Amino acid sequence: MLDADGDGRWRADGVPDPRLDGCFDVDLESSSMTNTLPVHRLGLALGAATEAPAAYVRAGDLAVERLEQRYQRIGDRDFAYTAPVFDFSCVLNYDEHLLVTDYPGIAVRLS
């Protein structure tokens, strides 16, 4: 079980997990939808960028770890995304509600 206090502190199975201090979002492995959470929370202006570490939950064994990631708003509905630990970067496309429509290699929403 993973709990957040809303102030960037987390508990995993009831025990404080200081590795996750400063994380405000959860990121589920292989899910495009959890990338919607920081985009809404951050409200980045066009051209702005920020670090947005997340509590990352592995799909296979539900292990939790800290995931360093960065978002930069490069268009009305486009964000440059990087996750250095995976040596991964891409452009995420969102719809008018800022829900992910295209996450290269993971998901594409069909019309």
PDB file of N, CA and C in Angstrom:
ATOM      1  N   MET A   1       0.843  -1.175   0.000  1.00  0.00           N
ATOM      2  CA  MET A   1       0.000   0.000   0.000  1.00  0.00           C
ATOM      3  C   MET A   1       0.890   1.240   0.000  1.00  0.00           C
ATOM      4  N   LEU A   2       0.519   2.210  -0.794  1.00  0.00           N
ATOM      5  CA  LEU A   2       1.293   3.436  -0.929  1.00  0.00           C
ATOM      6  C   LEU A   2       0.403   4.608  -0.549  1.00  0.00           C
ATOM      7  N   ASP A   3       0.868   5.438   0.393  1.00  0.00           N
ATOM      8  CA  ASP A   3       0.111   6.599   0.859  1.00  0.00           C
ATOM      9  C   ASP A   3       0.969   7.843   0.745  1.00  0.00           C
ATOM     10  N   ALA A   4       0.332   8.935   0.321  1.00  0.00           N
ATOM     11  CA  ALA A   4       1.008  10.239   0.256  1.00  0.00           C
ATOM     12  C   ALA A   4       0.265  11.204   1.165  1.00  0.00           C
ATOM     13  N   ASP A   5       1.018  12.135   1.765  1.00  0.00           N
ATOM     14  CA  ASP A   5       0.378  13.110   2.655  1.00  0.00           C
ATOM     15  C   ASP A   5       0.028  14.421   1.958  1.00  0.00           C
ATOM     16  N   GLY A   6       0.350  14.541   0.661  1.00  0.00           N
ATOM     17  CA  GLY A   6       0.066  15.759  -0.078  1.00  0.00           C
ATOM     18  C   GLY A   6       1.137  16.827   0.054  1.00  0.00           C
ATOM     19  N   ASP A   7       2.090  16.608   0.949  1.00  0.00           N
ATOM     20  CA  ASP A   7       3.202  17.539   1.155  1.00  0.00           C
ATOM     21  C   ASP A   7       4.530  16.957   0.687  1.00  0.00           C
ATOM     22  N   GLY A   8       4.464  15.880  -0.120  1.00  0.00           N
ATOM     23  CA  GLY A   8       5.679  15.295  -0.673  1.00  0.00           C
ATOM     24  C   GLY A   8       6.327  14.236   0.197  1.00  0.00           C
ATOM     25  N   ARG A   9       5.574  13.690   1.141  1.00  0.00           N
ATOM     26  CA  ARG A   9       6.088  12.586   1.961  1.00  0.00           C
ATOM     27  C   ARG A   9       5.190  11.368   1.744  1.00  0.00           C
ATOM     28  N   TRP A  10       5.820  10.197   1.740  1.00  0.00           N
ATOM     29  CA  TRP A  10       5.118   8.960   1.400  1.00  0.00           C
ATOM     30  C   TRP A  10       5.360   7.875   2.442  1.00  0.00           C
ATOM     31  N   ARG A  11       4.399   6.945   2.505  1.00  0.00           N
ATOM     32  CA  ARG A  11       4.526   5.743   3.316  1.00  0.00           C
ATOM     33  C   ARG A  11       4.258   4.549   2.395  1.00  0.00           C
ATOM     34  N   ALA A  12       5.118   3.556   2.480  1.00  0.00           N
ATOM     35  CA  ALA A  12       4.930   2.304   1.743  1.00  0.00           C
ATOM     36  C   ALA A  12       4.673   1.210   2.768  1.00  0.00           C
ATOM     37  N   ASP A  13       3.542   0.559   2.645  1.00  0.00           N
ATOM     38  CA  ASP A  13       3.126  -0.472   3.607  1.00  0.00           C
ATOM     39  C   ASP A  13       3.171   0.058   5.044  1.00  0.00           C
ATOM     40  N   GLY A  14       2.766   1.321   5.217  1.00  0.00           N
ATOM     41  CA  GLY A  14       2.674   1.919   6.534  1.00  0.00           C
ATOM     42  C   GLY A  14       3.973   2.477   7.090  1.00  0.00           C
ATOM     43  N   VAL A  15       5.073   2.327   6.349  1.00  0.00           N
ATOM     44  CA  VAL A  15       6.392   2.758   6.817  1.00  0.00           C
ATOM     45  C   VAL A  15       6.839   3.976   5.998  1.00  0.00           C
ATOM     46  N   PRO A  16       7.309   5.061   6.666  1.00  0.00           N
ATOM     47  CA  PRO A  16       7.803   6.211   5.903  1.00  0.00           C
ATOM     48  C   PRO A  16       8.888   5.787   4.914  1.00  0.00           C
ATOM     49  N   ASP A  17       8.816   6.341   3.706  1.00  0.00           N
ATOM     50  CA  ASP A  17       9.797   6.024   2.666  1.00  0.00           C
ATOM     51  C   ASP A  17      10.483   7.322   2.227  1.00  0.00           C
ATOM     52  N   PRO A  18      11.594   7.687   2.885  1.00  0.00           N
ATOM     53  CA  PRO A  18      12.259   8.959   2.588  1.00  0.00           C
ATOM     54  C   PRO A  18      12.827   9.056   1.174  1.00  0.00           C
ATOM     55  N   ARG A  19      12.984   7.921   0.470  1.00  0.00           N
ATOM     56  CA  ARG A  19      13.435   7.978  -0.929  1.00  0.00           C
ATOM     57  C   ARG A  19      12.463   8.775  -1.789  1.00  0.00           C
ATOM     58  N   LEU A  20      11.223   8.817  -1.361  1.00  0.00           N
ATOM     59  CA  LEU A  20      10.171   9.459  -2.145  1.00  0.00           C
ATOM     60  C   LEU A  20       9.892  10.898  -1.708  1.00  0.00           C
ATOM     61  N   ASP A  21      10.648  11.395  -0.723  1.00  0.00           N
ATOM     62  CA  ASP A  21      10.442  12.770  -0.261  1.00  0.00           C
ATOM     63  C   ASP A  21      10.530  13.735  -1.436  1.00  0.00           C
ATOM     64  N   GLY A  22       9.559  14.615  -1.545  1.00  0.00           N
ATOM     65  CA  GLY A  22       9.531  15.595  -2.620  1.00  0.00           C
ATOM     66  C   GLY A  22       8.763  15.152  -3.847  1.00  0.00           C
ATOM     67  N   CYS A  23       8.285  13.924  -3.860  1.00  0.00           N
ATOM     68  CA  CYS A  23       7.458  13.449  -4.963  1.00  0.00           C
ATOM     69  C   CYS A  23       5.998  13.829  -4.693  1.00  0.00           C
ATOM     70  N   PHE A  24       5.336  14.353  -5.704  1.00  0.00           N
ATOM     71  CA  PHE A  24       3.937  14.731  -5.546  1.00  0.00           C
ATOM     72  C   PHE A  24       3.008  13.900  -6.419  1.00  0.00           C
ATOM     73  N   ASP A  25       3.576  13.071  -7.270  1.00  0.00           N
ATOM     74  CA  ASP A  25       2.772  12.273  -8.184  1.00  0.00           C
ATOM     75  C   ASP A  25       3.187  10.813  -8.103  1.00  0.00           C
ATOM     76  N   VAL A  26       2.274   9.947  -8.525  1.00  0.00           N
ATOM     77  CA  VAL A  26       2.584   8.533  -8.679  1.00  0.00           C
ATOM     78  C   VAL A  26       2.660   8.259 -10.174  1.00  0.00           C
ATOM     79  N   ASP A  27       3.582   7.391 -10.579  1.00  0.00           N
ATOM     80  CA  ASP A  27       3.732   7.010 -11.980  1.00  0.00           C
ATOM     81  C   ASP A  27       3.681   5.491 -12.044  1.00  0.00           C
ATOM     82  N   LEU A  28       2.695   4.966 -12.758  1.00  0.00           N
ATOM     83  CA  LEU A  28       2.547   3.523 -12.904  1.00  0.00           C
ATOM     84  C   LEU A  28       3.277   3.082 -14.164  1.00  0.00           C
ATOM     85  N   GLU A  29       4.194   2.127 -14.016  1.00  0.00           N
ATOM     86  CA  GLU A  29       4.970   1.630 -15.147  1.00  0.00           C
ATOM     87  C   GLU A  29       4.048   1.219 -16.285  1.00  0.00           C
ATOM     88  N   SER A  30       4.425   1.611 -17.491  1.00  0.00           N
ATOM     89  CA  SER A  30       3.702   1.268 -18.723  1.00  0.00           C
ATOM     90  C   SER A  30       2.311   1.882 -18.806  1.00  0.00           C
ATOM     91  N   SER A  31       2.054   2.925 -18.042  1.00  0.00           N
ATOM     92  CA  SER A  31       0.769   3.623 -18.134  1.00  0.00           C
ATOM     93  C   SER A  31       1.004   5.020 -18.687  1.00  0.00           C
ATOM     94  N   SER A  32       0.277   5.368 -19.715  1.00  0.00           N
ATOM     95  CA  SER A  32       0.396   6.717 -20.250  1.00  0.00           C
ATOM     96  C   SER A  32      -0.416   7.714 -19.434  1.00  0.00           C
ATOM     97  N   MET A  33      -1.427   7.262 -18.742  1.00  0.00           N
ATOM     98  CA  MET A  33      -2.333   8.179 -18.057  1.00  0.00           C
ATOM     99  C   MET A  33      -1.710   8.855 -16.839  1.00  0.00           C
ATOM    100  N   THR A  34      -0.758   8.222 -16.184  1.00  0.00           N
ATOM    101  CA  THR A  34      -0.194   8.872 -14.999  1.00  0.00           C
ATOM    102  C   THR A  34       0.670  10.073 -15.364  1.00  0.00           C
ATOM    103  N   ASN A  35       1.029  10.229 -16.629  1.00  0.00           N
ATOM    104  CA  ASN A  35       1.755  11.433 -17.051  1.00  0.00           C
ATOM    105  C   ASN A  35       0.827  12.638 -17.152  1.00  0.00           C
ATOM    106  N   THR A  36      -0.454  12.414 -17.030  1.00  0.00           N
ATOM    107  CA  THR A  36      -1.425  13.505 -16.989  1.00  0.00           C
ATOM    108  C   THR A  36      -1.354  14.233 -15.649  1.00  0.00           C
ATOM    109  N   LEU A  37      -1.063  13.511 -14.576  1.00  0.00           N
ATOM    110  CA  LEU A  37      -1.090  14.096 -13.232  1.00  0.00           C
ATOM    111  C   LEU A  37      -0.137  15.276 -13.069  1.00  0.00           C
ATOM    112  N   PRO A  38       1.156  15.128 -13.370  1.00  0.00           N
ATOM    113  CA  PRO A  38       2.043  16.280 -13.177  1.00  0.00           C
ATOM    114  C   PRO A  38       1.746  17.432 -14.129  1.00  0.00           C
ATOM    115  N   VAL A  39       1.300  17.127 -15.342  1.00  0.00           N
ATOM    116  CA  VAL A  39       0.995  18.196 -16.299  1.00  0.00           C
ATOM    117  C   VAL A  39      -0.126  19.086 -15.756  1.00  0.00           C
ATOM    118  N   HIS A  40      -1.143  18.470 -15.183  1.00  0.00           N
ATOM    119  CA  HIS A  40      -2.225  19.255 -14.581  1.00  0.00           C
ATOM    120  C   HIS A  40      -1.752  19.985 -13.326  1.00  0.00           C
ATOM    121  N   ARG A  41      -1.016  19.302 -12.489  1.00  0.00           N
ATOM    122  CA  ARG A  41      -0.570  19.903 -11.225  1.00  0.00           C
ATOM    123  C   ARG A  41       0.370  21.073 -11.464  1.00  0.00           C
ATOM    124  N   LEU A  42       1.261  20.943 -12.422  1.00  0.00           N
ATOM    125  CA  LEU A  42       2.294  21.963 -12.637  1.00  0.00           C
ATOM    126  C   LEU A  42       1.775  23.200 -13.361  1.00  0.00           C
ATOM    127  N   GLY A  43       0.846  23.037 -14.274  1.00  0.00           N
ATOM    128  CA  GLY A  43       0.314  24.173 -15.013  1.00  0.00           C
ATOM    129  C   GLY A  43       1.396  24.993 -15.700  1.00  0.00           C
ATOM    130  N   LEU A  44       2.333  24.340 -16.368  1.00  0.00           N
ATOM    131  CA  LEU A  44       3.467  25.022 -16.992  1.00  0.00           C
ATOM    132  C   LEU A  44       3.041  25.964 -18.116  1.00  0.00           C
ATOM    133  N   ALA A  45       3.649  27.136 -18.141  1.00  0.00           N
ATOM    134  CA  ALA A  45       3.462  28.071 -19.243  1.00  0.00           C
ATOM    135  C   ALA A  45       4.272  27.587 -20.441  1.00  0.00           C
ATOM    136  N   LEU A  46       3.905  28.036 -21.615  1.00  0.00           N
ATOM    137  CA  LEU A  46       4.625  27.668 -22.827  1.00  0.00           C
ATOM    138  C   LEU A  46       6.108  28.007 -22.682  1.00  0.00           C
ATOM    139  N   GLY A  47       6.965  27.028 -22.930  1.00  0.00           N
ATOM    140  CA  GLY A  47       8.411  27.198 -22.825  1.00  0.00           C
ATOM    141  C   GLY A  47       8.977  26.871 -21.454  1.00  0.00           C
ATOM    142  N   ALA A  48       8.125  26.815 -20.428  1.00  0.00           N
ATOM    143  CA  ALA A  48       8.594  26.530 -19.065  1.00  0.00           C
ATOM    144  C   ALA A  48       8.890  25.042 -18.901  1.00  0.00           C
ATOM    145  N   ALA A  49       9.835  24.742 -18.009  1.00  0.00           N
ATOM    146  CA  ALA A  49      10.222  23.355 -17.729  1.00  0.00           C
ATOM    147  C   ALA A  49      10.477  23.204 -16.236  1.00  0.00           C
ATOM    148  N   THR A  50      10.309  21.989 -15.749  1.00  0.00           N
ATOM    149  CA  THR A  50      10.596  21.716 -14.347  1.00  0.00           C
ATOM    150  C   THR A  50      10.831  20.225 -14.120  1.00  0.00           C
ATOM    151  N   GLU A  51      11.536  19.955 -13.049  1.00  0.00           N
ATOM    152  CA  GLU A  51      11.706  18.585 -12.583  1.00  0.00           C
ATOM    153  C   GLU A  51      10.422  18.178 -11.860  1.00  0.00           C
ATOM    154  N   ALA A  52      10.040  16.927 -12.003  1.00  0.00           N
ATOM    155  CA  ALA A  52       8.828  16.429 -11.353  1.00  0.00           C
ATOM    156  C   ALA A  52       9.032  14.975 -10.947  1.00  0.00           C
ATOM    157  N   PRO A  53       9.844  14.736  -9.908  1.00  0.00           N
ATOM    158  CA  PRO A  53      10.059  13.353  -9.483  1.00  0.00           C
ATOM    159  C   PRO A  53       8.737  12.707  -9.070  1.00  0.00           C
ATOM    160  N   ALA A  54       8.653  11.397  -9.268  1.00  0.00           N
ATOM    161  CA  ALA A  54       7.421  10.671  -8.959  1.00  0.00           C
ATOM    162  C   ALA A  54       7.714   9.396  -8.195  1.00  0.00           C
ATOM    163  N   ALA A  55       6.716   8.929  -7.458  1.00  0.00           N
ATOM    164  CA  ALA A  55       6.757   7.608  -6.845  1.00  0.00           C
ATOM    165  C   ALA A  55       6.399   6.630  -7.961  1.00  0.00           C
ATOM    166  N   TYR A  56       7.370   5.858  -8.408  1.00  0.00           N
ATOM    167  CA  TYR A  56       7.231   4.985  -9.566  1.00  0.00           C
ATOM    168  C   TYR A  56       6.913   3.570  -9.102  1.00  0.00           C
ATOM    169  N   VAL A  57       5.796   3.023  -9.597  1.00  0.00           N
ATOM    170  CA  VAL A  57       5.353   1.685  -9.207  1.00  0.00           C
ATOM    171  C   VAL A  57       5.570   0.735 -10.377  1.00  0.00           C
ATOM    172  N   ARG A  58       6.412  -0.264 -10.173  1.00  0.00           N
ATOM    173  CA  ARG A  58       6.697  -1.274 -11.192  1.00  0.00           C
ATOM    174  C   ARG A  58       5.480  -2.174 -11.402  1.00  0.00           C
ATOM    175  N   ALA A  59       5.175  -2.478 -12.663  1.00  0.00           N
ATOM    176  CA  ALA A  59       3.997  -3.273 -12.990  1.00  0.00           C
ATOM    177  C   ALA A  59       4.112  -4.723 -12.517  1.00  0.00           C
ATOM    178  N   GLY A  60       5.275  -5.335 -12.690  1.00  0.00           N
ATOM    179  CA  GLY A  60       5.425  -6.765 -12.407  1.00  0.00           C
ATOM    180  C   GLY A  60       5.316  -7.143 -10.944  1.00  0.00           C
ATOM    181  N   ASP A  61       6.030  -6.413 -10.091  1.00  0.00           N
ATOM    182  CA  ASP A  61       6.077  -6.803  -8.678  1.00  0.00           C
ATOM    183  C   ASP A  61       5.573  -5.711  -7.731  1.00  0.00           C
ATOM    184  N   LEU A  62       5.097  -4.599  -8.289  1.00  0.00           N
ATOM    185  CA  LEU A  62       4.590  -3.453  -7.528  1.00  0.00           C
ATOM    186  C   LEU A  62       5.641  -2.804  -6.634  1.00  0.00           C
ATOM    187  N   ALA A  63       6.924  -3.045  -6.954  1.00  0.00           N
ATOM    188  CA  ALA A  63       8.007  -2.375  -6.223  1.00  0.00           C
ATOM    189  C   ALA A  63       7.897  -0.866  -6.478  1.00  0.00           C
ATOM    190  N   VAL A  64       8.232  -0.081  -5.463  1.00  0.00           N
ATOM    191  CA  VAL A  64       8.142   1.376  -5.552  1.00  0.00           C
ATOM    192  C   VAL A  64       9.537   1.966  -5.476  1.00  0.00           C
ATOM    193  N   GLU A  65       9.820   2.923  -6.350  1.00  0.00           N
ATOM    194  CA  GLU A  65      11.101   3.612  -6.342  1.00  0.00           C
ATOM    195  C   GLU A  65      10.889   5.062  -6.761  1.00  0.00           C
ATOM    196  N   ARG A  66      11.876   5.869  -6.591  1.00  0.00           N
ATOM    197  CA  ARG A  66      11.826   7.267  -7.011  1.00  0.00           C
ATOM    198  C   ARG A  66      12.198   7.337  -8.494  1.00  0.00           C
ATOM    199  N   LEU A  67      11.418   8.100  -9.251  1.00  0.00           N
ATOM    200  CA  LEU A  67      11.698   8.298 -10.659  1.00  0.00           C
ATOM    201  C   LEU A  67      11.906   9.784 -10.916  1.00  0.00           C
ATOM    202  N   GLU A  68      13.130  10.141 -11.274  1.00  0.00           N
ATOM    203  CA  GLU A  68      13.419  11.523 -11.655  1.00  0.00           C
ATOM    204  C   GLU A  68      12.906  11.722 -13.072  1.00  0.00           C
ATOM    205  N   GLN A  69      12.135  12.770 -13.272  1.00  0.00           N
ATOM    206  CA  GLN A  69      11.619  13.069 -14.596  1.00  0.00           C
ATOM    207  C   GLN A  69      11.479  14.575 -14.768  1.00  0.00           C
ATOM    208  N   ARG A  70      11.389  14.988 -16.022  1.00  0.00           N
ATOM    209  CA  ARG A  70      11.333  16.408 -16.353  1.00  0.00           C
ATOM    210  C   ARG A  70      10.285  16.627 -17.444  1.00  0.00           C
ATOM    211  N   TYR A  71       9.532  17.702 -17.287  1.00  0.00           N
ATOM    212  CA  TYR A  71       8.535  18.101 -18.270  1.00  0.00           C
ATOM    213  C   TYR A  71       8.840  19.508 -18.743  1.00  0.00           C
ATOM    214  N   GLN A  72       8.688  19.737 -20.053  1.00  0.00           N
ATOM    215  CA  GLN A  72       8.801  21.079 -20.614  1.00  0.00           C
ATOM    216  C   GLN A  72       7.641  21.264 -21.589  1.00  0.00           C
ATOM    217  N   ARG A  73       6.907  22.344 -21.393  1.00  0.00           N
ATOM    218  CA  ARG A  73       5.789  22.624 -22.306  1.00  0.00           C
ATOM    219  C   ARG A  73       6.352  23.249 -23.566  1.00  0.00           C
ATOM    220  N   ILE A  74       6.191  22.540 -24.688  1.00  0.00           N
ATOM    221  CA  ILE A  74       6.754  23.013 -25.949  1.00  0.00           C
ATOM    222  C   ILE A  74       5.672  23.403 -26.952  1.00  0.00           C
ATOM    223  N   GLY A  75       4.436  23.272 -26.573  1.00  0.00           N
ATOM    224  CA  GLY A  75       3.304  23.647 -27.421  1.00  0.00           C
ATOM    225  C   GLY A  75       2.060  23.711 -26.573  1.00  0.00           C
ATOM    226  N   ASP A  76       0.933  24.093 -27.178  1.00  0.00           N
ATOM    227  CA  ASP A  76      -0.313  24.155 -26.416  1.00  0.00           C
ATOM    228  C   ASP A  76      -0.647  22.817 -25.779  1.00  0.00           C
ATOM    229  N   ARG A  77      -0.373  21.731 -26.522  1.00  0.00           N
ATOM    230  CA  ARG A  77      -0.721  20.389 -26.050  1.00  0.00           C
ATOM    231  C   ARG A  77       0.446  19.418 -26.115  1.00  0.00           C
ATOM    232  N   ASP A  78       1.648  19.931 -26.226  1.00  0.00           N
ATOM    233  CA  ASP A  78       2.834  19.078 -26.360  1.00  0.00           C
ATOM    234  C   ASP A  78       3.831  19.371 -25.256  1.00  0.00           C
ATOM    235  N   PHE A  79       4.386  18.292 -24.699  1.00  0.00           N
ATOM    236  CA  PHE A  79       5.366  18.405 -23.624  1.00  0.00           C
ATOM    237  C   PHE A  79       6.559  17.517 -23.937  1.00  0.00           C
ATOM    238  N   ALA A  80       7.757  18.066 -23.802  1.00  0.00           N
ATOM    239  CA  ALA A  80       8.967  17.252 -23.883  1.00  0.00           C
ATOM    240  C   ALA A  80       9.107  16.568 -22.524  1.00  0.00           C
ATOM    241  N   TYR A  81       9.328  15.262 -22.551  1.00  0.00           N
ATOM    242  CA  TYR A  81       9.415  14.469 -21.321  1.00  0.00           C
ATOM    243  C   TYR A  81      10.732  13.712 -21.312  1.00  0.00           C
ATOM    244  N   THR A  82      11.398  13.698 -20.175  1.00  0.00           N
ATOM    245  CA  THR A  82      12.609  12.897 -20.028  1.00  0.00           C
ATOM    246  C   THR A  82      12.592  12.146 -18.705  1.00  0.00           C
ATOM    247  N   ALA A  83      13.118  10.937 -18.749  1.00  0.00           N
ATOM    248  CA  ALA A  83      13.321  10.094 -17.566  1.00  0.00           C
ATOM    249  C   ALA A  83      14.746   9.553 -17.686  1.00  0.00           C
ATOM    250  N   PRO A  84      15.720  10.273 -17.113  1.00  0.00           N
ATOM    251  CA  PRO A  84      17.137   9.925 -17.306  1.00  0.00           C
ATOM    252  C   PRO A  84      17.518   8.499 -16.910  1.00  0.00           C
ATOM    253  N   VAL A  85      16.928   7.938 -15.865  1.00  0.00           N
ATOM    254  CA  VAL A  85      17.312   6.597 -15.425  1.00  0.00           C
ATOM    255  C   VAL A  85      17.054   5.559 -16.522  1.00  0.00           C
ATOM    256  N   PHE A  86      16.082   5.831 -17.394  1.00  0.00           N
ATOM    257  CA  PHE A  86      15.779   4.927 -18.499  1.00  0.00           C
ATOM    258  C   PHE A  86      16.424   5.398 -19.802  1.00  0.00           C
ATOM    259  N   ASP A  87      17.187   6.480 -19.734  1.00  0.00           N
ATOM    260  CA  ASP A  87      17.770   7.089 -20.931  1.00  0.00           C
ATOM    261  C   ASP A  87      16.675   7.300 -21.974  1.00  0.00           C
ATOM    262  N   PHE A  88      15.566   7.886 -21.512  1.00  0.00           N
ATOM    263  CA  PHE A  88      14.372   8.019 -22.339  1.00  0.00           C
ATOM    264  C   PHE A  88      13.939   9.468 -22.431  1.00  0.00           C
ATOM    265  N   SER A  89      13.608   9.879 -23.642  1.00  0.00           N
ATOM    266  CA  SER A  89      12.993  11.185 -23.846  1.00  0.00           C
ATOM    267  C   SER A  89      12.052  11.086 -25.038  1.00  0.00           C
ATOM    268  N   CYS A  90      11.006  11.889 -25.023  1.00  0.00           N
ATOM    269  CA  CYS A  90      10.032  11.892 -26.104  1.00  0.00           C
ATOM    270  C   CYS A  90       9.192  13.154 -26.001  1.00  0.00           C
ATOM    271  N   VAL A  91       8.318  13.314 -26.954  1.00  0.00           N
ATOM    272  CA  VAL A  91       7.304  14.362 -26.889  1.00  0.00           C
ATOM    273  C   VAL A  91       5.977  13.679 -26.607  1.00  0.00           C
ATOM    274  N   LEU A  92       5.330  14.112 -25.537  1.00  0.00           N
ATOM    275  CA  LEU A  92       4.011  13.602 -25.190  1.00  0.00           C
ATOM    276  C   LEU A  92       2.968  14.558 -25.748  1.00  0.00           C
ATOM    277  N   ASN A  93       1.966  14.010 -26.427  1.00  0.00           N
ATOM    278  CA  ASN A  93       0.882  14.817 -26.978  1.00  0.00           C
ATOM    279  C   ASN A  93      -0.363  14.626 -26.114  1.00  0.00           C
ATOM    280  N   TYR A  94      -1.066  15.724 -25.880  1.00  0.00           N
ATOM    281  CA  TYR A  94      -2.253  15.731 -25.028  1.00  0.00           C
ATOM    282  C   TYR A  94      -3.436  16.298 -25.808  1.00  0.00           C
ATOM    283  N   ASP A  95      -4.654  16.006 -25.343  1.00  0.00           N
ATOM    284  CA  ASP A  95      -5.842  16.584 -25.967  1.00  0.00           C
ATOM    285  C   ASP A  95      -6.195  17.909 -25.289  1.00  0.00           C
ATOM    286  N   GLU A  96      -7.353  18.455 -25.643  1.00  0.00           N
ATOM    287  CA  GLU A  96      -7.750  19.756 -25.099  1.00  0.00           C
ATOM    288  C   GLU A  96      -7.978  19.740 -23.589  1.00  0.00           C
ATOM    289  N   HIS A  97      -8.136  18.555 -22.999  1.00  0.00           N
ATOM    290  CA  HIS A  97      -8.297  18.420 -21.552  1.00  0.00           C
ATOM    291  C   HIS A  97      -6.979  18.052 -20.867  1.00  0.00           C
ATOM    292  N   LEU A  98      -5.918  18.044 -21.654  1.00  0.00           N
ATOM    293  CA  LEU A  98      -4.581  17.640 -21.208  1.00  0.00           C
ATOM    294  C   LEU A  98      -4.553  16.199 -20.694  1.00  0.00           C
ATOM    295  N   LEU A  99      -5.222  15.319 -21.447  1.00  0.00           N
ATOM    296  CA  LEU A  99      -5.115  13.878 -21.253  1.00  0.00           C
ATOM    297  C   LEU A  99      -4.211  13.351 -22.363  1.00  0.00           C
ATOM    298  N   VAL A 100      -3.331  12.436 -22.035  1.00  0.00           N
ATOM    299  CA  VAL A 100      -2.359  11.930 -23.004  1.00  0.00           C
ATOM    300  C   VAL A 100      -3.064  11.247 -24.176  1.00  0.00           C
ATOM    301  N   THR A 101      -2.670  11.646 -25.391  1.00  0.00           N
ATOM    302  CA  THR A 101      -3.186  10.993 -26.598  1.00  0.00           C
ATOM    303  C   THR A 101      -2.111  10.185 -27.312  1.00  0.00           C
ATOM    304  N   ASP A 102      -0.849  10.552 -27.105  1.00  0.00           N
ATOM    305  CA  ASP A 102       0.241   9.838 -27.767  1.00  0.00           C
ATOM    306  C   ASP A 102       1.460   9.828 -26.861  1.00  0.00           C
ATOM    307  N   TYR A 103       1.833   8.628 -26.431  1.00  0.00           N
ATOM    308  CA  TYR A 103       3.030   8.405 -25.626  1.00  0.00           C
ATOM    309  C   TYR A 103       3.861   7.402 -26.409  1.00  0.00           C
ATOM    310  N   PRO A 104       4.859   7.883 -27.172  1.00  0.00           N
ATOM    311  CA  PRO A 104       5.613   6.999 -28.060  1.00  0.00           C
ATOM    312  C   PRO A 104       6.131   5.734 -27.368  1.00  0.00           C
ATOM    313  N   GLY A 105       5.816   4.599 -27.975  1.00  0.00           N
ATOM    314  CA  GLY A 105       6.269   3.322 -27.467  1.00  0.00           C
ATOM    315  C   GLY A 105       5.406   2.721 -26.378  1.00  0.00           C
ATOM    316  N   ILE A 106       4.422   3.503 -25.878  1.00  0.00           N
ATOM    317  CA  ILE A 106       3.558   2.981 -24.817  1.00  0.00           C
ATOM    318  C   ILE A 106       2.090   2.962 -25.222  1.00  0.00           C
ATOM    319  N   ALA A 107       1.583   4.097 -25.707  1.00  0.00           N
ATOM    320  CA  ALA A 107       0.147   4.148 -26.014  1.00  0.00           C
ATOM    321  C   ALA A 107      -0.166   5.258 -26.999  1.00  0.00           C
ATOM    322  N   VAL A 108      -1.173   4.992 -27.819  1.00  0.00           N
ATOM    323  CA  VAL A 108      -1.753   5.994 -28.705  1.00  0.00           C
ATOM    324  C   VAL A 108      -3.260   5.863 -28.575  1.00  0.00           C
ATOM    325  N   ARG A 109      -3.919   6.971 -28.286  1.00  0.00           N
ATOM    326  CA  ARG A 109      -5.377   6.936 -28.191  1.00  0.00           C
ATOM    327  C   ARG A 109      -5.960   7.043 -29.596  1.00  0.00           C
ATOM    328  N   LEU A 110      -6.872   6.128 -29.915  1.00  0.00           N
ATOM    329  CA  LEU A 110      -7.508   6.110 -31.228  1.00  0.00           C
ATOM    330  C   LEU A 110      -8.771   6.961 -31.195  1.00  0.00           C
ATOM    331  N   SER A 111      -9.112   7.514 -32.337  1.00  0.00           N
ATOM    332  CA  SER A 111     -10.333   8.323 -32.451  1.00  0.00           C
ATOM    333  C   SER A 111     -11.552   7.446 -32.373  1.00  0.00           C
TER     334      SER A 111
END
